[in-house]
Amino acid sequence: MRRFLPTLALFFAATFLSAQTPSPFSGTWKLNPSKSKLQTPQPPSTSTVIITFNGTHWHYQRTHEYSARKPETFSIDLDVNAPQPHIEKDAPFTFSSRLTREGATLVLHEDITASNGQKATSTIRYTLANNAQTLVELEHKQTPSHDELNRWVFDRVAK
């Protein structure tokens, strides 16, 4: 047993360190409007995304800034492949959110229910390109009256 202790110690240390190492998704990202293709009716003039991701826990914060109205900030914390969805009430909506991994892609699935019972879905596929210097978010929103597809492209902000 004693000869296995150093091996076990190294294994647990490596496991702990890998869980703490930020993934290439982690960082600050700025919207690149010229590379983005947006169907959203009122796109922001600029947008900043901050991601902290260690491989299992995802913290995402996005701030859209507009020329004619106040900025909007959205943030969410999710565990990848959690057995139960994260439920959040933000009147008049209830969001049921799950984050899954499909290879190198992270996928946010959201079912949204309005207080009047209307339902919508939002699916966002997060991928990295250009040696992890570009974040691409393919967003598909579906409501009873609207189907929208947005391709948000963000450039990594140097530290």
Protein backbone atom coordinates (compact mmCIF):
# COMPACT_ATOMS: atom_id res chain seq x y z
CA MET A 1 0.00 0.00 0.00
CA ARG A 2 2.83 2.44 0.83
CA ARG A 3 4.28 2.24 -2.66
CA PHE A 4 0.92 3.38 -4.06
CA LEU A 5 0.64 6.44 -1.78
CA PRO A 6 2.90 8.69 -3.91
CA THR A 7 0.99 7.65 -7.03
CA LEU A 8 -2.35 8.33 -5.34
CA ALA A 9 -1.11 11.69 -4.05
CA LEU A 10 -0.01 12.70 -7.56
CA PHE A 11 -3.32 11.53 -9.02
CA PHE A 12 -5.39 13.55 -6.54
CA ALA A 13 -3.16 16.62 -6.94
CA ALA A 14 -3.47 16.44 -10.74
CA THR A 15 -7.23 15.96 -10.49
CA PHE A 16 -7.56 18.95 -8.14
CA LEU A 17 -5.38 21.19 -10.32
CA SER A 18 -7.18 20.24 -13.53
CA ALA A 19 -10.52 21.07 -11.91
CA GLN A 20 -9.15 24.50 -10.95
CA THR A 21 -7.53 25.32 -14.30
CA PRO A 22 -9.63 27.73 -16.32
CA SER A 23 -10.71 26.51 -19.73
CA PRO A 24 -10.03 28.44 -22.94
CA PHE A 25 -13.61 29.75 -22.68
CA SER A 26 -12.60 31.78 -19.62
CA GLY A 27 -11.86 35.42 -20.23
CA THR A 28 -13.30 38.73 -21.34
CA TRP A 29 -14.79 39.00 -24.81
CA LYS A 30 -15.89 42.03 -26.89
CA LEU A 31 -18.53 41.88 -29.62
CA ASN A 32 -17.20 42.07 -33.17
CA PRO A 33 -20.22 43.53 -35.04
CA SER A 34 -18.64 43.15 -38.48
CA LYS A 35 -18.33 39.37 -38.05
CA SER A 36 -21.69 38.91 -36.29
CA LYS A 37 -24.98 38.24 -38.07
CA LEU A 38 -27.89 39.36 -35.93
CA GLN A 39 -31.63 39.08 -36.52
CA THR A 40 -32.48 40.53 -33.13
CA PRO A 41 -34.71 43.59 -33.69
CA GLN A 42 -32.63 45.99 -31.57
CA PRO A 43 -29.00 44.84 -31.49
CA PRO A 44 -26.65 46.43 -28.98
CA SER A 45 -24.05 48.97 -30.09
CA THR A 46 -21.47 47.00 -28.10
CA SER A 47 -21.44 43.94 -25.88
CA THR A 48 -18.99 42.48 -23.37
CA VAL A 49 -18.99 38.90 -22.12
CA ILE A 50 -17.05 37.63 -19.11
CA ILE A 51 -16.77 33.86 -18.71
CA THR A 52 -15.27 31.86 -15.88
CA PHE A 53 -15.28 28.15 -16.65
CA ASN A 54 -13.25 25.40 -14.99
CA GLY A 55 -14.60 22.49 -17.03
CA THR A 56 -17.55 21.74 -14.77
CA HIS A 57 -18.92 25.09 -13.54
CA TRP A 58 -19.87 27.89 -15.96
CA HIS A 59 -20.25 31.54 -14.93
CA TYR A 60 -21.40 33.77 -17.77
CA GLN A 61 -22.01 37.50 -17.62
CA ARG A 62 -22.99 39.59 -20.63
CA THR A 63 -23.58 43.34 -20.80
CA HIS A 64 -25.24 44.81 -23.88
CA GLU A 65 -24.87 48.56 -24.30
CA TYR A 66 -27.24 50.60 -26.44
CA SER A 67 -27.04 54.12 -27.81
CA ALA A 68 -30.63 55.04 -26.88
CA ARG A 69 -31.30 53.13 -23.65
CA LYS A 70 -29.76 51.75 -20.48
CA PRO A 71 -27.31 48.82 -20.62
CA GLU A 72 -28.67 45.31 -19.96
CA THR A 73 -26.67 42.78 -17.95
CA PHE A 74 -27.45 39.09 -17.82
CA SER A 75 -25.57 36.52 -15.76
CA ILE A 76 -25.97 32.84 -15.00
CA ASP A 77 -24.11 30.14 -13.07
CA LEU A 78 -24.58 26.55 -14.20
CA ASP A 79 -22.95 23.17 -13.70
CA VAL A 80 -22.30 21.29 -16.94
CA ASN A 81 -24.57 18.25 -17.38
CA ALA A 82 -26.37 18.89 -14.09
CA PRO A 83 -29.08 16.26 -13.51
CA GLN A 84 -31.74 18.91 -12.88
CA PRO A 85 -32.28 22.20 -14.71
CA HIS A 86 -31.57 25.49 -13.00
CA ILE A 87 -34.91 27.28 -12.39
CA GLU A 88 -34.97 31.05 -12.10
CA LYS A 89 -37.95 33.38 -11.83
CA ASP A 90 -37.57 36.85 -13.29
CA ALA A 91 -41.10 38.23 -13.48
CA PRO A 92 -42.98 37.77 -15.66
CA PHE A 93 -40.84 34.82 -16.86
CA THR A 94 -39.61 31.52 -15.46
CA PHE A 95 -36.42 30.14 -16.99
CA SER A 96 -35.46 26.47 -16.92
CA SER A 97 -31.80 26.27 -17.96
CA ARG A 98 -29.32 23.45 -18.59
CA LEU A 99 -25.78 23.52 -19.93
CA THR A 100 -24.50 20.45 -21.76
CA ARG A 101 -21.31 19.57 -23.55
CA GLU A 102 -21.25 18.29 -27.12
CA GLY A 103 -17.58 17.64 -27.84
CA ALA A 104 -15.81 21.02 -27.73
CA THR A 105 -19.14 22.88 -27.85
CA LEU A 106 -21.11 24.01 -24.81
CA VAL A 107 -24.87 24.23 -25.32
CA LEU A 108 -27.24 26.30 -23.19
CA HIS A 109 -30.84 25.06 -23.40
CA GLU A 110 -33.52 27.32 -21.96
CA ASP A 111 -37.25 26.76 -21.72
CA ILE A 112 -39.02 30.00 -20.90
CA THR A 113 -42.56 30.29 -19.59
CA ALA A 114 -44.36 33.62 -19.31
CA SER A 115 -46.84 34.28 -16.52
CA ASN A 116 -49.65 34.07 -19.11
CA GLY A 117 -48.54 30.52 -20.03
CA GLN A 118 -46.85 31.34 -23.33
CA LYS A 119 -43.72 29.29 -23.94
CA ALA A 120 -40.45 30.02 -25.72
CA THR A 121 -37.11 28.29 -26.14
CA SER A 122 -33.58 29.54 -26.51
CA THR A 123 -30.60 27.42 -27.49
CA ILE A 124 -27.11 28.89 -27.57
CA ARG A 125 -24.12 26.92 -28.87
CA TYR A 126 -20.79 28.25 -27.59
CA THR A 127 -17.67 27.43 -29.61
CA LEU A 128 -14.14 28.75 -29.85
CA ALA A 129 -12.30 29.55 -33.08
CA ASN A 130 -9.04 31.15 -34.18
CA ASN A 131 -6.91 29.37 -31.54
CA ALA A 132 -9.39 30.30 -28.77
CA GLN A 133 -9.18 34.01 -29.64
CA THR A 134 -12.76 34.10 -30.96
CA LEU A 135 -15.95 33.11 -29.14
CA VAL A 136 -18.91 32.26 -31.38
CA GLU A 137 -22.42 32.07 -29.93
CA LEU A 138 -25.05 30.59 -32.25
CA GLU A 139 -28.36 31.57 -30.69
CA HIS A 140 -31.73 30.21 -31.78
CA LYS A 141 -34.81 31.74 -30.13
CA GLN A 142 -38.31 30.45 -30.77
CA THR A 143 -41.52 32.05 -29.53
CA PRO A 144 -45.09 31.46 -30.70
CA SER A 145 -44.79 34.45 -33.04
CA HIS A 146 -41.07 34.67 -33.79
CA ASP A 147 -38.13 32.53 -34.87
CA GLU A 148 -34.74 34.23 -34.58
CA LEU A 149 -31.21 33.08 -35.37
CA ASN A 150 -28.22 35.15 -34.24
CA ARG A 151 -24.52 34.55 -34.75
CA TRP A 152 -22.69 36.58 -32.12
CA VAL A 153 -18.91 36.79 -32.65
CA PHE A 154 -16.69 38.02 -29.83
CA ASP A 155 -12.96 38.71 -29.80
CA ARG A 156 -10.87 37.88 -26.75
CA VAL A 157 -9.71 40.93 -24.79
CA ALA A 158 -6.02 40.71 -23.91
CA LYS A 159 -5.28 40.65 -20.20
